Amino acid sequence: MTTATYSSNDRLWSVLCHLSFFFGVGVLAFVLPLVLYLVMKRDSPFITHHAREALNFHLSLLLYGIICIPLCIIVIGAIGYVVIGLIGLICAIVAAVRASQGVYYEYPMTIRFVRQ
């Protein structure tokens, strides 16, 4: 994790990428990180990194949720949804705090769908 001085605007957009988790793990959670990733790709490596991390995290949570659907038949899926929700909540808050501090943060247990 590298710490550097970034503008408050860069940190704000990075924090909002991570907090988009609270819009739900549906389409709305993906829109802000995806748009910022595509628009800021050349302008701000800090925002691009956080947008990419948030997007990968949301996609990973979506995949984990889909995997839990057939597991609901044997009750493990319901427990999986609770665990996914708690991990998502905690990790999104930690990532937002790290982004506000100007730190490059990487989510744990995330599949890297979107790369450089």
PDB file of N, CA and C in Angstrom:
ATOM      1  N   MET A   1       0.837  -1.176   0.000  1.00  0.00           N
ATOM      2  CA  MET A   1       0.000   0.000   0.000  1.00  0.00           C
ATOM      3  C   MET A   1       0.883   1.241   0.000  1.00  0.00           C
ATOM      4  N   THR A   2       0.690   2.063  -0.985  1.00  0.00           N
ATOM      5  CA  THR A   2       1.480   3.265  -1.128  1.00  0.00           C
ATOM      6  C   THR A   2       0.658   4.469  -0.684  1.00  0.00           C
ATOM      7  N   THR A   3       1.251   5.327   0.098  1.00  0.00           N
ATOM      8  CA  THR A   3       0.583   6.542   0.535  1.00  0.00           C
ATOM      9  C   THR A   3       1.243   7.731  -0.154  1.00  0.00           C
ATOM     10  N   ALA A   4       0.437   8.605  -0.695  1.00  0.00           N
ATOM     11  CA  ALA A   4       0.934   9.807  -1.348  1.00  0.00           C
ATOM     12  C   ALA A   4      -0.111  10.901  -1.161  1.00  0.00           C
ATOM     13  N   THR A   5       0.226  12.087  -1.616  1.00  0.00           N
ATOM     14  CA  THR A   5      -0.702  13.200  -1.511  1.00  0.00           C
ATOM     15  C   THR A   5      -1.504  13.304  -2.801  1.00  0.00           C
ATOM     16  N   TYR A   6      -2.796  13.208  -2.680  1.00  0.00           N
ATOM     17  CA  TYR A   6      -3.702  13.327  -3.821  1.00  0.00           C
ATOM     18  C   TYR A   6      -4.699  14.434  -3.526  1.00  0.00           C
ATOM     19  N   SER A   7      -5.259  14.998  -4.575  1.00  0.00           N
ATOM     20  CA  SER A   7      -6.212  16.080  -4.377  1.00  0.00           C
ATOM     21  C   SER A   7      -7.457  15.550  -3.672  1.00  0.00           C
ATOM     22  N   SER A   8      -8.174  16.440  -3.023  1.00  0.00           N
ATOM     23  CA  SER A   8      -9.386  16.029  -2.326  1.00  0.00           C
ATOM     24  C   SER A   8     -10.429  15.531  -3.315  1.00  0.00           C
ATOM     25  N   ASN A   9     -10.401  16.050  -4.528  1.00  0.00           N
ATOM     26  CA  ASN A   9     -11.326  15.595  -5.566  1.00  0.00           C
ATOM     27  C   ASN A   9     -11.049  14.135  -5.927  1.00  0.00           C
ATOM     28  N   ASP A  10      -9.781  13.774  -6.093  1.00  0.00           N
ATOM     29  CA  ASP A  10      -9.419  12.387  -6.390  1.00  0.00           C
ATOM     30  C   ASP A  10      -9.836  11.452  -5.261  1.00  0.00           C
ATOM     31  N   ARG A  11      -9.591  11.875  -4.045  1.00  0.00           N
ATOM     32  CA  ARG A  11      -9.961  11.038  -2.903  1.00  0.00           C
ATOM     33  C   ARG A  11     -11.472  10.902  -2.776  1.00  0.00           C
ATOM     34  N   LEU A  12     -12.220  11.985  -3.040  1.00  0.00           N
ATOM     35  CA  LEU A  12     -13.676  11.938  -2.949  1.00  0.00           C
ATOM     36  C   LEU A  12     -14.252  10.942  -3.948  1.00  0.00           C
ATOM     37  N   TRP A  13     -13.825  11.020  -5.208  1.00  0.00           N
ATOM     38  CA  TRP A  13     -14.339  10.100  -6.224  1.00  0.00           C
ATOM     39  C   TRP A  13     -13.954   8.665  -5.906  1.00  0.00           C
ATOM     40  N   SER A  14     -12.772   8.469  -5.344  1.00  0.00           N
ATOM     41  CA  SER A  14     -12.346   7.121  -4.969  1.00  0.00           C
ATOM     42  C   SER A  14     -13.205   6.572  -3.835  1.00  0.00           C
ATOM     43  N   VAL A  15     -13.503   7.404  -2.864  1.00  0.00           N
ATOM     44  CA  VAL A  15     -14.366   6.990  -1.753  1.00  0.00           C
ATOM     45  C   VAL A  15     -15.760   6.643  -2.272  1.00  0.00           C
ATOM     46  N   LEU A  16     -16.288   7.453  -3.174  1.00  0.00           N
ATOM     47  CA  LEU A  16     -17.620   7.195  -3.717  1.00  0.00           C
ATOM     48  C   LEU A  16     -17.677   5.888  -4.505  1.00  0.00           C
ATOM     49  N   CYS A  17     -16.591   5.536  -5.164  1.00  0.00           N
ATOM     50  CA  CYS A  17     -16.538   4.240  -5.865  1.00  0.00           C
ATOM     51  C   CYS A  17     -16.764   3.093  -4.892  1.00  0.00           C
ATOM     52  N   HIS A  18     -16.100   3.158  -3.751  1.00  0.00           N
ATOM     53  CA  HIS A  18     -16.230   2.084  -2.772  1.00  0.00           C
ATOM     54  C   HIS A  18     -17.587   2.115  -2.077  1.00  0.00           C
ATOM     55  N   LEU A  19     -18.100   3.288  -1.833  1.00  0.00           N
ATOM     56  CA  LEU A  19     -19.396   3.390  -1.157  1.00  0.00           C
ATOM     57  C   LEU A  19     -20.563   3.082  -2.087  1.00  0.00           C
ATOM     58  N   SER A  20     -20.305   2.910  -3.378  1.00  0.00           N
ATOM     59  CA  SER A  20     -21.378   2.518  -4.294  1.00  0.00           C
ATOM     60  C   SER A  20     -21.903   1.131  -3.944  1.00  0.00           C
ATOM     61  N   PHE A  21     -21.199   0.398  -3.112  1.00  0.00           N
ATOM     62  CA  PHE A  21     -21.684  -0.896  -2.606  1.00  0.00           C
ATOM     63  C   PHE A  21     -23.043  -0.724  -1.945  1.00  0.00           C
ATOM     64  N   PHE A  22     -23.264   0.405  -1.308  1.00  0.00           N
ATOM     65  CA  PHE A  22     -24.502   0.625  -0.579  1.00  0.00           C
ATOM     66  C   PHE A  22     -25.691   0.926  -1.487  1.00  0.00           C
ATOM     67  N   PHE A  23     -25.442   1.061  -2.785  1.00  0.00           N
ATOM     68  CA  PHE A  23     -26.541   1.183  -3.747  1.00  0.00           C
ATOM     69  C   PHE A  23     -27.121  -0.188  -4.065  1.00  0.00           C
ATOM     70  N   GLY A  24     -26.488  -1.230  -3.598  1.00  0.00           N
ATOM     71  CA  GLY A  24     -26.931  -2.599  -3.849  1.00  0.00           C
ATOM     72  C   GLY A  24     -25.964  -3.286  -4.783  1.00  0.00           C
ATOM     73  N   VAL A  25     -26.031  -4.596  -4.810  1.00  0.00           N
ATOM     74  CA  VAL A  25     -25.118  -5.357  -5.655  1.00  0.00           C
ATOM     75  C   VAL A  25     -25.784  -5.569  -7.014  1.00  0.00           C
ATOM     76  N   GLY A  26     -26.634  -4.658  -7.404  1.00  0.00           N
ATOM     77  CA  GLY A  26     -27.270  -4.724  -8.711  1.00  0.00           C
ATOM     78  C   GLY A  26     -26.567  -3.797  -9.681  1.00  0.00           C
ATOM     79  N   VAL A  27     -27.300  -3.331 -10.634  1.00  0.00           N
ATOM     80  CA  VAL A  27     -26.747  -2.483 -11.690  1.00  0.00           C
ATOM     81  C   VAL A  27     -26.207  -1.170 -11.134  1.00  0.00           C
ATOM     82  N   LEU A  28     -26.877  -0.594 -10.157  1.00  0.00           N
ATOM     83  CA  LEU A  28     -26.464   0.709  -9.636  1.00  0.00           C
ATOM     84  C   LEU A  28     -25.085   0.675  -8.989  1.00  0.00           C
ATOM     85  N   ALA A  29     -24.733  -0.437  -8.371  1.00  0.00           N
ATOM     86  CA  ALA A  29     -23.424  -0.537  -7.723  1.00  0.00           C
ATOM     87  C   ALA A  29     -22.294  -0.540  -8.747  1.00  0.00           C
ATOM     88  N   PHE A  30     -22.578  -0.988  -9.951  1.00  0.00           N
ATOM     89  CA  PHE A  30     -21.550  -1.081 -10.990  1.00  0.00           C
ATOM     90  C   PHE A  30     -21.381   0.209 -11.790  1.00  0.00           C
ATOM     91  N   VAL A  31     -22.404   1.028 -11.834  1.00  0.00           N
ATOM     92  CA  VAL A  31     -22.407   2.186 -12.739  1.00  0.00           C
ATOM     93  C   VAL A  31     -21.303   3.184 -12.393  1.00  0.00           C
ATOM     94  N   LEU A  32     -21.238   3.642 -11.161  1.00  0.00           N
ATOM     95  CA  LEU A  32     -20.252   4.668 -10.789  1.00  0.00           C
ATOM     96  C   LEU A  32     -18.811   4.187 -10.967  1.00  0.00           C
ATOM     97  N   PRO A  33     -18.431   3.016 -10.436  1.00  0.00           N
ATOM     98  CA  PRO A  33     -17.047   2.581 -10.657  1.00  0.00           C
ATOM     99  C   PRO A  33     -16.715   2.365 -12.140  1.00  0.00           C
ATOM    100  N   LEU A  34     -17.664   1.833 -12.895  1.00  0.00           N
ATOM    101  CA  LEU A  34     -17.413   1.591 -14.315  1.00  0.00           C
ATOM    102  C   LEU A  34     -17.226   2.896 -15.076  1.00  0.00           C
ATOM    103  N   VAL A  35     -18.098   3.869 -14.836  1.00  0.00           N
ATOM    104  CA  VAL A  35     -17.993   5.156 -15.516  1.00  0.00           C
ATOM    105  C   VAL A  35     -16.691   5.861 -15.136  1.00  0.00           C
ATOM    106  N   LEU A  36     -16.368   5.876 -13.862  1.00  0.00           N
ATOM    107  CA  LEU A  36     -15.126   6.532 -13.435  1.00  0.00           C
ATOM    108  C   LEU A  36     -13.902   5.814 -13.982  1.00  0.00           C
ATOM    109  N   TYR A  37     -13.952   4.499 -14.043  1.00  0.00           N
ATOM    110  CA  TYR A  37     -12.824   3.744 -14.588  1.00  0.00           C
ATOM    111  C   TYR A  37     -12.605   4.112 -16.058  1.00  0.00           C
ATOM    112  N   LEU A  38     -13.679   4.177 -16.818  1.00  0.00           N
ATOM    113  CA  LEU A  38     -13.551   4.475 -18.246  1.00  0.00           C
ATOM    114  C   LEU A  38     -13.185   5.934 -18.507  1.00  0.00           C
ATOM    115  N   VAL A  39     -13.733   6.853 -17.721  1.00  0.00           N
ATOM    116  CA  VAL A  39     -13.506   8.279 -17.958  1.00  0.00           C
ATOM    117  C   VAL A  39     -12.147   8.739 -17.425  1.00  0.00           C
ATOM    118  N   MET A  40     -11.757   8.248 -16.271  1.00  0.00           N
ATOM    119  CA  MET A  40     -10.543   8.746 -15.613  1.00  0.00           C
ATOM    120  C   MET A  40      -9.303   7.911 -15.919  1.00  0.00           C
ATOM    121  N   LYS A  41      -9.411   6.985 -16.837  1.00  0.00           N
ATOM    122  CA  LYS A  41      -8.319   6.055 -17.127  1.00  0.00           C
ATOM    123  C   LYS A  41      -7.002   6.766 -17.433  1.00  0.00           C
ATOM    124  N   ARG A  42      -7.056   7.856 -18.145  1.00  0.00           N
ATOM    125  CA  ARG A  42      -5.835   8.577 -18.533  1.00  0.00           C
ATOM    126  C   ARG A  42      -5.510   9.743 -17.605  1.00  0.00           C
ATOM    127  N   ASP A  43      -6.499  10.218 -16.859  1.00  0.00           N
ATOM    128  CA  ASP A  43      -6.303  11.429 -16.061  1.00  0.00           C
ATOM    129  C   ASP A  43      -5.774  11.177 -14.656  1.00  0.00           C
ATOM    130  N   SER A  44      -6.316  10.169 -13.977  1.00  0.00           N
ATOM    131  CA  SER A  44      -5.946   9.966 -12.574  1.00  0.00           C
ATOM    132  C   SER A  44      -5.727   8.484 -12.294  1.00  0.00           C
ATOM    133  N   PRO A  45      -4.485   8.076 -12.121  1.00  0.00           N
ATOM    134  CA  PRO A  45      -4.234   6.672 -11.793  1.00  0.00           C
ATOM    135  C   PRO A  45      -4.816   6.265 -10.439  1.00  0.00           C
ATOM    136  N   PHE A  46      -4.941   7.230  -9.531  1.00  0.00           N
ATOM    137  CA  PHE A  46      -5.502   6.934  -8.208  1.00  0.00           C
ATOM    138  C   PHE A  46      -6.978   6.573  -8.311  1.00  0.00           C
ATOM    139  N   ILE A  47      -7.752   7.392  -9.000  1.00  0.00           N
ATOM    140  CA  ILE A  47      -9.179   7.110  -9.176  1.00  0.00           C
ATOM    141  C   ILE A  47      -9.357   5.837  -9.991  1.00  0.00           C
ATOM    142  N   THR A  48      -8.549   5.662 -11.026  1.00  0.00           N
ATOM    143  CA  THR A  48      -8.653   4.474 -11.865  1.00  0.00           C
ATOM    144  C   THR A  48      -8.423   3.208 -11.048  1.00  0.00           C
ATOM    145  N   HIS A  49      -7.418   3.235 -10.187  1.00  0.00           N
ATOM    146  CA  HIS A  49      -7.135   2.066  -9.343  1.00  0.00           C
ATOM    147  C   HIS A  49      -8.324   1.737  -8.452  1.00  0.00           C
ATOM    148  N   HIS A  50      -8.865   2.738  -7.773  1.00  0.00           N
ATOM    149  CA  HIS A  50      -9.972   2.491  -6.846  1.00  0.00           C
ATOM    150  C   HIS A  50     -11.250   2.108  -7.577  1.00  0.00           C
ATOM    151  N   ALA A  51     -11.492   2.704  -8.726  1.00  0.00           N
ATOM    152  CA  ALA A  51     -12.672   2.328  -9.514  1.00  0.00           C
ATOM    153  C   ALA A  51     -12.551   0.878  -9.976  1.00  0.00           C
ATOM    154  N   ARG A  52     -11.368   0.484 -10.428  1.00  0.00           N
ATOM    155  CA  ARG A  52     -11.133  -0.887 -10.876  1.00  0.00           C
ATOM    156  C   ARG A  52     -11.297  -1.869  -9.715  1.00  0.00           C
ATOM    157  N   GLU A  53     -10.757  -1.523  -8.555  1.00  0.00           N
ATOM    158  CA  GLU A  53     -10.884  -2.396  -7.388  1.00  0.00           C
ATOM    159  C   GLU A  53     -12.350  -2.544  -6.964  1.00  0.00           C
ATOM    160  N   ALA A  54     -13.081  -1.437  -6.928  1.00  0.00           N
ATOM    161  CA  ALA A  54     -14.492  -1.498  -6.547  1.00  0.00           C
ATOM    162  C   ALA A  54     -15.290  -2.315  -7.559  1.00  0.00           C
ATOM    163  N   LEU A  55     -15.014  -2.118  -8.834  1.00  0.00           N
ATOM    164  CA  LEU A  55     -15.714  -2.866  -9.875  1.00  0.00           C
ATOM    165  C   LEU A  55     -15.423  -4.361  -9.764  1.00  0.00           C
ATOM    166  N   ASN A  56     -14.172  -4.723  -9.584  1.00  0.00           N
ATOM    167  CA  ASN A  56     -13.817  -6.134  -9.415  1.00  0.00           C
ATOM    168  C   ASN A  56     -14.469  -6.728  -8.165  1.00  0.00           C
ATOM    169  N   PHE A  57     -14.528  -5.951  -7.105  1.00  0.00           N
ATOM    170  CA  PHE A  57     -15.136  -6.427  -5.868  1.00  0.00           C
ATOM    171  C   PHE A  57     -16.624  -6.666  -6.053  1.00  0.00           C
ATOM    172  N   HIS A  58     -17.311  -5.728  -6.697  1.00  0.00           N
ATOM    173  CA  HIS A  58     -18.750  -5.886  -6.935  1.00  0.00           C
ATOM    174  C   HIS A  58     -19.031  -7.081  -7.832  1.00  0.00           C
ATOM    175  N   LEU A  59     -18.220  -7.257  -8.861  1.00  0.00           N
ATOM    176  CA  LEU A  59     -18.396  -8.413  -9.748  1.00  0.00           C
ATOM    177  C   LEU A  59     -18.140  -9.721  -9.015  1.00  0.00           C
ATOM    178  N   SER A  60     -17.146  -9.729  -8.149  1.00  0.00           N
ATOM    179  CA  SER A  60     -16.852 -10.934  -7.366  1.00  0.00           C
ATOM    180  C   SER A  60     -18.007 -11.258  -6.423  1.00  0.00           C
ATOM    181  N   LEU A  61     -18.552 -10.241  -5.745  1.00  0.00           N
ATOM    182  CA  LEU A  61     -19.688 -10.473  -4.854  1.00  0.00           C
ATOM    183  C   LEU A  61     -20.894 -10.990  -5.616  1.00  0.00           C
ATOM    184  N   LEU A  62     -21.111 -10.453  -6.807  1.00  0.00           N
ATOM    185  CA  LEU A  62     -22.216 -10.922  -7.638  1.00  0.00           C
ATOM    186  C   LEU A  62     -22.025 -12.400  -7.995  1.00  0.00           C
ATOM    187  N   LEU A  63     -20.829 -12.770  -8.384  1.00  0.00           N
ATOM    188  CA  LEU A  63     -20.534 -14.170  -8.711  1.00  0.00           C
ATOM    189  C   LEU A  63     -20.724 -15.062  -7.486  1.00  0.00           C
ATOM    190  N   TYR A  64     -20.237 -14.637  -6.335  1.00  0.00           N
ATOM    191  CA  TYR A  64     -20.403 -15.430  -5.114  1.00  0.00           C
ATOM    192  C   TYR A  64     -21.887 -15.581  -4.767  1.00  0.00           C
ATOM    193  N   GLY A  65     -22.667 -14.538  -4.990  1.00  0.00           N
ATOM    194  CA  GLY A  65     -24.109 -14.607  -4.744  1.00  0.00           C
ATOM    195  C   GLY A  65     -24.800 -15.583  -5.677  1.00  0.00           C
ATOM    196  N   ILE A  66     -24.390 -15.594  -6.931  1.00  0.00           N
ATOM    197  CA  ILE A  66     -24.969 -16.537  -7.895  1.00  0.00           C
ATOM    198  C   ILE A  66     -24.624 -17.977  -7.499  1.00  0.00           C
ATOM    199  N   ILE A  67     -23.414 -18.174  -7.014  1.00  0.00           N
ATOM    200  CA  ILE A  67     -23.015 -19.515  -6.558  1.00  0.00           C
ATOM    201  C   ILE A  67     -23.865 -19.962  -5.366  1.00  0.00           C
ATOM    202  N   CYS A  68     -24.301 -19.024  -4.539  1.00  0.00           N
ATOM    203  CA  CYS A  68     -25.104 -19.376  -3.360  1.00  0.00           C
ATOM    204  C   CYS A  68     -26.541 -19.774  -3.704  1.00  0.00           C
ATOM    205  N   ILE A  69     -27.028 -19.429  -4.886  1.00  0.00           N
ATOM    206  CA  ILE A  69     -28.417 -19.724  -5.245  1.00  0.00           C
ATOM    207  C   ILE A  69     -28.725 -21.218  -5.149  1.00  0.00           C
ATOM    208  N   PRO A  70     -27.973 -22.093  -5.829  1.00  0.00           N
ATOM    209  CA  PRO A  70     -28.318 -23.519  -5.696  1.00  0.00           C
ATOM    210  C   PRO A  70     -28.022 -24.072  -4.299  1.00  0.00           C
ATOM    211  N   LEU A  71     -27.128 -23.426  -3.572  1.00  0.00           N
ATOM    212  CA  LEU A  71     -26.803 -23.890  -2.228  1.00  0.00           C
ATOM    213  C   LEU A  71     -27.892 -23.557  -1.215  1.00  0.00           C
ATOM    214  N   CYS A  72     -28.842 -22.696  -1.596  1.00  0.00           N
ATOM    215  CA  CYS A  72     -29.948 -22.369  -0.688  1.00  0.00           C
ATOM    216  C   CYS A  72     -30.843 -23.583  -0.431  1.00  0.00           C
ATOM    217  N   ILE A  73     -30.805 -24.544  -1.333  1.00  0.00           N
ATOM    218  CA  ILE A  73     -31.597 -25.760  -1.152  1.00  0.00           C
ATOM    219  C   ILE A  73     -31.171 -26.495   0.117  1.00  0.00           C
ATOM    220  N   ILE A  74     -29.883 -26.455   0.417  1.00  0.00           N
ATOM    221  CA  ILE A  74     -29.394 -27.145   1.608  1.00  0.00           C
ATOM    222  C   ILE A  74     -28.992 -26.163   2.717  1.00  0.00           C
ATOM    223  N   VAL A  75     -29.554 -25.010   2.729  1.00  0.00           N
ATOM    224  CA  VAL A  75     -29.436 -23.977   3.765  1.00  0.00           C
ATOM    225  C   VAL A  75     -28.065 -23.301   3.813  1.00  0.00           C
ATOM    226  N   ILE A  76     -27.058 -23.890   3.231  1.00  0.00           N
ATOM    227  CA  ILE A  76     -25.731 -23.275   3.248  1.00  0.00           C
ATOM    228  C   ILE A  76     -25.742 -21.960   2.478  1.00  0.00           C
ATOM    229  N   GLY A  77     -26.561 -21.883   1.432  1.00  0.00           N
ATOM    230  CA  GLY A  77     -26.635 -20.667   0.618  1.00  0.00           C
ATOM    231  C   GLY A  77     -27.118 -19.468   1.409  1.00  0.00           C
ATOM    232  N   ALA A  78     -28.081 -19.688   2.305  1.00  0.00           N
ATOM    233  CA  ALA A  78     -28.587 -18.580   3.130  1.00  0.00           C
ATOM    234  C   ALA A  78     -27.487 -18.051   4.034  1.00  0.00           C
ATOM    235  N   ILE A  79     -26.722 -18.952   4.598  1.00  0.00           N
ATOM    236  CA  ILE A  79     -25.592 -18.536   5.433  1.00  0.00           C
ATOM    237  C   ILE A  79     -24.558 -17.809   4.570  1.00  0.00           C
ATOM    238  N   GLY A  80     -24.360 -18.309   3.354  1.00  0.00           N
ATOM    239  CA  GLY A  80     -23.428 -17.671   2.422  1.00  0.00           C
ATOM    240  C   GLY A  80     -23.825 -16.241   2.105  1.00  0.00           C
ATOM    241  N   TYR A  81     -25.134 -15.998   1.917  1.00  0.00           N
ATOM    242  CA  TYR A  81     -25.593 -14.635   1.638  1.00  0.00           C
ATOM    243  C   TYR A  81     -25.308 -13.695   2.808  1.00  0.00           C
ATOM    244  N   VAL A  82     -25.483 -14.180   4.020  1.00  0.00           N
ATOM    245  CA  VAL A  82     -25.197 -13.357   5.205  1.00  0.00           C
ATOM    246  C   VAL A  82     -23.706 -13.035   5.266  1.00  0.00           C
ATOM    247  N   VAL A  83     -22.882 -14.043   5.034  1.00  0.00           N
ATOM    248  CA  VAL A  83     -21.428 -13.844   5.069  1.00  0.00           C
ATOM    249  C   VAL A  83     -20.995 -12.876   3.965  1.00  0.00           C
ATOM    250  N   ILE A  84     -21.535 -13.050   2.754  1.00  0.00           N
ATOM    251  CA  ILE A  84     -21.206 -12.155   1.642  1.00  0.00           C
ATOM    252  C   ILE A  84     -21.602 -10.717   1.974  1.00  0.00           C
ATOM    253  N   GLY A  85     -22.779 -10.551   2.567  1.00  0.00           N
ATOM    254  CA  GLY A  85     -23.231  -9.212   2.942  1.00  0.00           C
ATOM    255  C   GLY A  85     -22.330  -8.557   3.976  1.00  0.00           C
ATOM    256  N   LEU A  86     -21.942  -9.317   4.986  1.00  0.00           N
ATOM    257  CA  LEU A  86     -21.068  -8.764   6.035  1.00  0.00           C
ATOM    258  C   LEU A  86     -19.679  -8.433   5.494  1.00  0.00           C
ATOM    259  N   ILE A  87     -19.134  -9.337   4.700  1.00  0.00           N
ATOM    260  CA  ILE A  87     -17.819  -9.069   4.110  1.00  0.00           C
ATOM    261  C   ILE A  87     -17.883  -7.849   3.206  1.00  0.00           C
ATOM    262  N   GLY A  88     -18.938  -7.759   2.402  1.00  0.00           N
ATOM    263  CA  GLY A  88     -19.097  -6.600   1.523  1.00  0.00           C
ATOM    264  C   GLY A  88     -19.198  -5.300   2.295  1.00  0.00           C
ATOM    265  N   LEU A  89     -19.973  -5.302   3.348  1.00  0.00           N
ATOM    266  CA  LEU A  89     -20.154  -4.109   4.175  1.00  0.00           C
ATOM    267  C   LEU A  89     -18.842  -3.668   4.809  1.00  0.00           C
ATOM    268  N   ILE A  90     -18.158  -4.600   5.440  1.00  0.00           N
ATOM    269  CA  ILE A  90     -16.912  -4.275   6.138  1.00  0.00           C
ATOM    270  C   ILE A  90     -15.830  -3.833   5.161  1.00  0.00           C
ATOM    271  N   CYS A  91     -15.668  -4.596   4.082  1.00  0.00           N
ATOM    272  CA  CYS A  91     -14.613  -4.266   3.111  1.00  0.00           C
ATOM    273  C   CYS A  91     -14.863  -2.934   2.409  1.00  0.00           C
ATOM    274  N   ALA A  92     -16.128  -2.617   2.110  1.00  0.00           N
ATOM    275  CA  ALA A  92     -16.439  -1.346   1.456  1.00  0.00           C
ATOM    276  C   ALA A  92     -16.095  -0.171   2.371  1.00  0.00           C
ATOM    277  N   ILE A  93     -16.388  -0.299   3.643  1.00  0.00           N
ATOM    278  CA  ILE A  93     -16.078   0.777   4.589  1.00  0.00           C
ATOM    279  C   ILE A  93     -14.567   0.930   4.755  1.00  0.00           C
ATOM    280  N   VAL A  94     -13.855  -0.189   4.900  1.00  0.00           N
ATOM    281  CA  VAL A  94     -12.397  -0.133   5.051  1.00  0.00           C
ATOM    282  C   VAL A  94     -11.766   0.481   3.801  1.00  0.00           C
ATOM    283  N   ALA A  95     -12.235   0.080   2.625  1.00  0.00           N
ATOM    284  CA  ALA A  95     -11.685   0.612   1.380  1.00  0.00           C
ATOM    285  C   ALA A  95     -11.962   2.108   1.252  1.00  0.00           C
ATOM    286  N   ALA A  96     -13.146   2.542   1.646  1.00  0.00           N
ATOM    287  CA  ALA A  96     -13.472   3.969   1.579  1.00  0.00           C
ATOM    288  C   ALA A  96     -12.577   4.779   2.516  1.00  0.00           C
ATOM    289  N   VAL A  97     -12.330   4.264   3.696  1.00  0.00           N
ATOM    290  CA  VAL A  97     -11.451   4.957   4.644  1.00  0.00           C
ATOM    291  C   VAL A  97     -10.031   5.033   4.089  1.00  0.00           C
ATOM    292  N   ARG A  98      -9.546   3.922   3.545  1.00  0.00           N
ATOM    293  CA  ARG A  98      -8.193   3.908   2.960  1.00  0.00           C
ATOM    294  C   ARG A  98      -8.089   4.873   1.794  1.00  0.00           C
ATOM    295  N   ALA A  99      -9.121   4.928   0.952  1.00  0.00           N
ATOM    296  CA  ALA A  99      -9.096   5.854  -0.178  1.00  0.00           C
ATOM    297  C   ALA A  99      -9.097   7.300   0.303  1.00  0.00           C
ATOM    298  N   SER A 100      -9.832   7.582   1.370  1.00  0.00           N
ATOM    299  CA  SER A 100      -9.859   8.949   1.889  1.00  0.00           C
ATOM    300  C   SER A 100      -8.508   9.351   2.481  1.00  0.00           C
ATOM    301  N   GLN A 101      -7.714   8.352   2.885  1.00  0.00           N
ATOM    302  CA  GLN A 101      -6.372   8.619   3.419  1.00  0.00           C
ATOM    303  C   GLN A 101      -5.324   8.707   2.309  1.00  0.00           C
ATOM    304  N   GLY A 102      -5.726   8.433   1.072  1.00  0.00           N
ATOM    305  CA  GLY A 102      -4.789   8.495  -0.037  1.00  0.00           C
ATOM    306  C   GLY A 102      -3.972   7.232  -0.221  1.00  0.00           C
ATOM    307  N   VAL A 103      -4.517   6.096   0.219  1.00  0.00           N
ATOM    308  CA  VAL A 103      -3.813   4.819   0.140  1.00  0.00           C
ATOM    309  C   VAL A 103      -4.396   3.987  -0.997  1.00  0.00           C
ATOM    310  N   TYR A 104      -3.533   3.320  -1.745  1.00  0.00           N
ATOM    311  CA  TYR A 104      -3.979   2.358  -2.751  1.00  0.00           C
ATOM    312  C   TYR A 104      -4.410   1.092  -2.010  1.00  0.00           C
ATOM    313  N   TYR A 105      -5.691   0.753  -2.101  1.00  0.00           N
ATOM    314  CA  TYR A 105      -6.239  -0.384  -1.366  1.00  0.00           C
ATOM    315  C   TYR A 105      -6.646  -1.483  -2.332  1.00  0.00           C
ATOM    316  N   GLU A 106      -6.401  -2.734  -1.935  1.00  0.00           N
ATOM    317  CA  GLU A 106      -6.853  -3.887  -2.715  1.00  0.00           C
ATOM    318  C   GLU A 106      -7.728  -4.756  -1.830  1.00  0.00           C
ATOM    319  N   TYR A 107      -8.909  -5.103  -2.355  1.00  0.00           N
ATOM    320  CA  TYR A 107      -9.839  -5.950  -1.618  1.00  0.00           C
ATOM    321  C   TYR A 107      -9.300  -7.371  -1.509  1.00  0.00           C
ATOM    322  N   PRO A 108      -9.554  -8.031  -0.373  1.00  0.00           N
ATOM    323  CA  PRO A 108      -9.189  -9.448  -0.274  1.00  0.00           C
ATOM    324  C   PRO A 108     -10.220 -10.307  -1.003  1.00  0.00           C
ATOM    325  N   MET A 109      -9.836 -11.497  -1.407  1.00  0.00           N
ATOM    326  CA  MET A 109     -10.722 -12.484  -2.018  1.00  0.00           C
ATOM    327  C   MET A 109     -11.470 -11.934  -3.235  1.00  0.00           C
ATOM    328  N   THR A 110     -10.810 -11.134  -4.025  1.00  0.00           N
ATOM    329  CA  THR A 110     -11.438 -10.536  -5.195  1.00  0.00           C
ATOM    330  C   THR A 110     -10.847 -11.148  -6.461  1.00  0.00           C
ATOM    331  N   ILE A 111     -11.721 -11.503  -7.383  1.00  0.00           N
ATOM    332  CA  ILE A 111     -11.283 -11.998  -8.676  1.00  0.00           C
ATOM    333  C   ILE A 111     -11.009 -10.771  -9.545  1.00  0.00           C
ATOM    334  N   ARG A 112      -9.872 -10.718 -10.184  1.00  0.00           N
ATOM    335  CA  ARG A 112      -9.486  -9.571 -11.000  1.00  0.00           C
ATOM    336  C   ARG A 112     -10.043  -9.724 -12.416  1.00  0.00           C
ATOM    337  N   PHE A 113     -11.313  -9.362 -12.589  1.00  0.00           N
ATOM    338  CA  PHE A 113     -11.941  -9.398 -13.911  1.00  0.00           C
ATOM    339  C   PHE A 113     -11.400  -8.280 -14.791  1.00  0.00           C
ATOM    340  N   VAL A 114     -11.302  -7.086 -14.208  1.00  0.00           N
ATOM    341  CA  VAL A 114     -10.829  -5.903 -14.935  1.00  0.00           C
ATOM    342  C   VAL A 114      -9.386  -5.670 -14.531  1.00  0.00           C
ATOM    343  N   ARG A 115      -8.514  -5.648 -15.504  1.00  0.00           N
ATOM    344  CA  ARG A 115      -7.097  -5.401 -15.249  1.00  0.00           C
ATOM    345  C   ARG A 115      -6.698  -4.101 -15.911  1.00  0.00           C
ATOM    346  N   GLN A 116      -5.445  -3.716 -15.711  1.00  0.00           N
ATOM    347  CA  GLN A 116      -4.906  -2.475 -16.272  1.00  0.00           C
ATOM    348  C   GLN A 116      -5.562  -2.210 -17.559  1.00  0.00           C
TER     349      GLN A 116
END
